[in-house]
């Protein structure tokens, strides 16, 4: 698919975070703050936080955006960049982020 056609399609982003037990409460707070602000953004269809069922310190954010353009605008927001800077101090390793396009039925 040509790159420019991907801008029109709904985009799902999955981000996985790993944090030590001593920093979990801080990370949860930061993720909740980010989620509240992000859900108000144009093009944000959903922004859902998850914690791993059997793995302490493992978190996932599942995001749905109307378009890649909306998601890229999100990456420029103050609340996202503030959270990114704080995450760098909290996480045990860099977040694993993948982008997904919905397949046709």
C-alpha atoms as a PDB file:
ATOM      1  CA  UNK A   1       0.000   0.000   0.000  1.00  0.00           C
ATOM      2  CA  UNK A   2       1.431   3.403  -0.881  1.00  0.00           C
ATOM      3  CA  UNK A   3       2.519   5.344   2.184  1.00  0.00           C
ATOM      4  CA  UNK A   4       0.179   8.282   1.534  1.00  0.00           C
ATOM      5  CA  UNK A   5      -2.885   5.972   1.507  1.00  0.00           C
ATOM      6  CA  UNK A   6      -2.075   4.910   5.073  1.00  0.00           C
ATOM      7  CA  UNK A   7      -2.855   8.436   6.300  1.00  0.00           C
ATOM      8  CA  UNK A   8      -6.579   7.942   5.524  1.00  0.00           C
ATOM      9  CA  UNK A   9      -6.955   4.684   7.448  1.00  0.00           C
ATOM     10  CA  UNK A  10      -7.870   4.152  11.061  1.00  0.00           C
ATOM     11  CA  UNK A  11      -4.722   3.453  13.072  1.00  0.00           C
ATOM     12  CA  UNK A  12      -4.293   1.301  16.165  1.00  0.00           C
ATOM     13  CA  UNK A  13      -1.235   1.784  18.334  1.00  0.00           C
ATOM     14  CA  UNK A  14      -0.140  -0.688  21.007  1.00  0.00           C
ATOM     15  CA  UNK A  15       2.506   0.410  23.509  1.00  0.00           C
ATOM     16  CA  UNK A  16       3.925  -1.946  26.144  1.00  0.00           C
ATOM     17  CA  UNK A  17       5.792  -0.708  29.217  1.00  0.00           C
ATOM     18  CA  UNK A  18       7.841  -2.486  31.883  1.00  0.00           C
ATOM     19  CA  UNK A  19       8.546  -0.810  35.193  1.00  0.00           C
ATOM     20  CA  UNK A  20      10.050  -1.883  38.504  1.00  0.00           C
ATOM     21  CA  UNK A  21       7.750  -2.393  41.466  1.00  0.00           C
ATOM     22  CA  UNK A  22       9.092   0.709  43.241  1.00  0.00           C
ATOM     23  CA  UNK A  23       8.020   2.934  40.314  1.00  0.00           C
ATOM     24  CA  UNK A  24       4.673   1.336  39.456  1.00  0.00           C
ATOM     25  CA  UNK A  25       2.465   3.840  41.269  1.00  0.00           C
ATOM     26  CA  UNK A  26       4.180   6.762  39.594  1.00  0.00           C
ATOM     27  CA  UNK A  27       3.859   5.164  36.148  1.00  0.00           C
ATOM     28  CA  UNK A  28       0.163   4.384  36.718  1.00  0.00           C
ATOM     29  CA  UNK A  29      -0.439   8.010  37.687  1.00  0.00           C
ATOM     30  CA  UNK A  30       1.413   9.309  34.626  1.00  0.00           C
ATOM     31  CA  UNK A  31      -0.438   6.933  32.285  1.00  0.00           C
ATOM     32  CA  UNK A  32      -3.792   7.998  33.730  1.00  0.00           C
ATOM     33  CA  UNK A  33      -2.919  11.686  33.325  1.00  0.00           C
ATOM     34  CA  UNK A  34      -1.858  11.070  29.732  1.00  0.00           C
ATOM     35  CA  UNK A  35      -4.995   9.047  29.007  1.00  0.00           C
ATOM     36  CA  UNK A  36      -7.314  11.772  30.302  1.00  0.00           C
ATOM     37  CA  UNK A  37      -5.674  14.439  28.144  1.00  0.00           C
ATOM     38  CA  UNK A  38      -5.341  12.225  25.072  1.00  0.00           C
ATOM     39  CA  UNK A  39      -8.988  11.161  25.090  1.00  0.00           C
ATOM     40  CA  UNK A  40      -9.906  14.816  24.522  1.00  0.00           C
ATOM     41  CA  UNK A  41      -7.835  15.080  21.345  1.00  0.00           C
ATOM     42  CA  UNK A  42      -9.295  15.348  17.887  1.00  0.00           C
ATOM     43  CA  UNK A  43      -9.195  11.953  16.200  1.00  0.00           C
ATOM     44  CA  UNK A  44      -8.714   9.867  19.355  1.00  0.00           C
ATOM     45  CA  UNK A  45     -11.328   7.099  19.099  1.00  0.00           C
ATOM     46  CA  UNK A  46     -10.151   5.241  22.205  1.00  0.00           C
ATOM     47  CA  UNK A  47      -7.237   5.191  24.605  1.00  0.00           C
ATOM     48  CA  UNK A  48      -7.393   2.207  26.950  1.00  0.00           C
ATOM     49  CA  UNK A  49      -4.925   1.355  29.710  1.00  0.00           C
ATOM     50  CA  UNK A  50      -4.217  -2.266  30.650  1.00  0.00           C
ATOM     51  CA  UNK A  51      -2.121  -4.020  33.281  1.00  0.00           C
ATOM     52  CA  UNK A  52      -0.817  -7.535  32.741  1.00  0.00           C
ATOM     53  CA  UNK A  53      -2.849 -10.230  34.456  1.00  0.00           C
ATOM     54  CA  UNK A  54       0.088 -12.228  35.788  1.00  0.00           C
ATOM     55  CA  UNK A  55       3.112  -9.961  35.297  1.00  0.00           C
ATOM     56  CA  UNK A  56       3.754  -7.286  37.870  1.00  0.00           C
ATOM     57  CA  UNK A  57       5.030  -4.066  36.345  1.00  0.00           C
ATOM     58  CA  UNK A  58       3.813  -4.761  32.791  1.00  0.00           C
ATOM     59  CA  UNK A  59       1.402  -2.245  31.238  1.00  0.00           C
ATOM     60  CA  UNK A  60      -0.133  -1.729  27.826  1.00  0.00           C
ATOM     61  CA  UNK A  61      -1.857   1.190  26.155  1.00  0.00           C
ATOM     62  CA  UNK A  62      -4.264   0.339  23.327  1.00  0.00           C
ATOM     63  CA  UNK A  63      -5.045   3.391  21.195  1.00  0.00           C
ATOM     64  CA  UNK A  64      -7.343   3.862  18.213  1.00  0.00           C
ATOM     65  CA  UNK A  65      -6.989   6.933  16.035  1.00  0.00           C
ATOM     66  CA  UNK A  66      -9.193   8.125  13.180  1.00  0.00           C
ATOM     67  CA  UNK A  67      -6.061   8.558  11.041  1.00  0.00           C
ATOM     68  CA  UNK A  68      -2.313   8.466  11.167  1.00  0.00           C
ATOM     69  CA  UNK A  69      -2.365  12.237  10.789  1.00  0.00           C
ATOM     70  CA  UNK A  70      -4.360  12.519  14.044  1.00  0.00           C
ATOM     71  CA  UNK A  71      -1.894  10.229  15.800  1.00  0.00           C
ATOM     72  CA  UNK A  72       1.086  12.212  14.524  1.00  0.00           C
ATOM     73  CA  UNK A  73      -0.560  15.403  15.797  1.00  0.00           C
ATOM     74  CA  UNK A  74      -0.860  13.664  19.196  1.00  0.00           C
ATOM     75  CA  UNK A  75       2.904  13.076  19.174  1.00  0.00           C
ATOM     76  CA  UNK A  76       3.423  16.853  19.082  1.00  0.00           C
ATOM     77  CA  UNK A  77       1.264  17.651  22.131  1.00  0.00           C
ATOM     78  CA  UNK A  78       2.730  18.957  25.357  1.00  0.00           C
ATOM     79  CA  UNK A  79       1.058  16.253  27.454  1.00  0.00           C
ATOM     80  CA  UNK A  80       2.511  13.465  25.295  1.00  0.00           C
ATOM     81  CA  UNK A  81       6.033  14.909  25.320  1.00  0.00           C
ATOM     82  CA  UNK A  82       5.901  15.536  29.066  1.00  0.00           C
ATOM     83  CA  UNK A  83       4.820  11.916  29.634  1.00  0.00           C
ATOM     84  CA  UNK A  84       7.547  10.667  27.271  1.00  0.00           C
ATOM     85  CA  UNK A  85      10.227  12.497  29.248  1.00  0.00           C
ATOM     86  CA  UNK A  86       8.916  11.122  32.550  1.00  0.00           C
ATOM     87  CA  UNK A  87       8.684   7.599  31.131  1.00  0.00           C
ATOM     88  CA  UNK A  88      12.361   7.699  30.219  1.00  0.00           C
ATOM     89  CA  UNK A  89      13.119   8.056  33.931  1.00  0.00           C
ATOM     90  CA  UNK A  90      10.655   5.372  35.070  1.00  0.00           C
ATOM     91  CA  UNK A  91      10.797   2.489  32.614  1.00  0.00           C
ATOM     92  CA  UNK A  92      13.134  -0.473  32.963  1.00  0.00           C
ATOM     93  CA  UNK A  93      13.553  -0.539  29.172  1.00  0.00           C
ATOM     94  CA  UNK A  94      12.241   1.456  26.206  1.00  0.00           C
ATOM     95  CA  UNK A  95       8.550   1.014  25.453  1.00  0.00           C
ATOM     96  CA  UNK A  96       7.649  -1.430  22.692  1.00  0.00           C
ATOM     97  CA  UNK A  97       5.349   0.373  20.250  1.00  0.00           C
ATOM     98  CA  UNK A  98       3.646  -1.150  17.220  1.00  0.00           C
ATOM     99  CA  UNK A  99       1.263   0.391  14.689  1.00  0.00           C
ATOM    100  CA  UNK A 100      -1.630  -1.570  13.208  1.00  0.00           C
ATOM    101  CA  UNK A 101      -4.047  -0.991  10.332  1.00  0.00           C
ATOM    102  CA  UNK A 102      -7.495  -2.558  10.423  1.00  0.00           C
ATOM    103  CA  UNK A 103      -7.888  -5.310   7.857  1.00  0.00           C
ATOM    104  CA  UNK A 104     -10.971  -5.311   5.650  1.00  0.00           C
ATOM    105  CA  UNK A 105     -13.684  -7.822   6.559  1.00  0.00           C
END
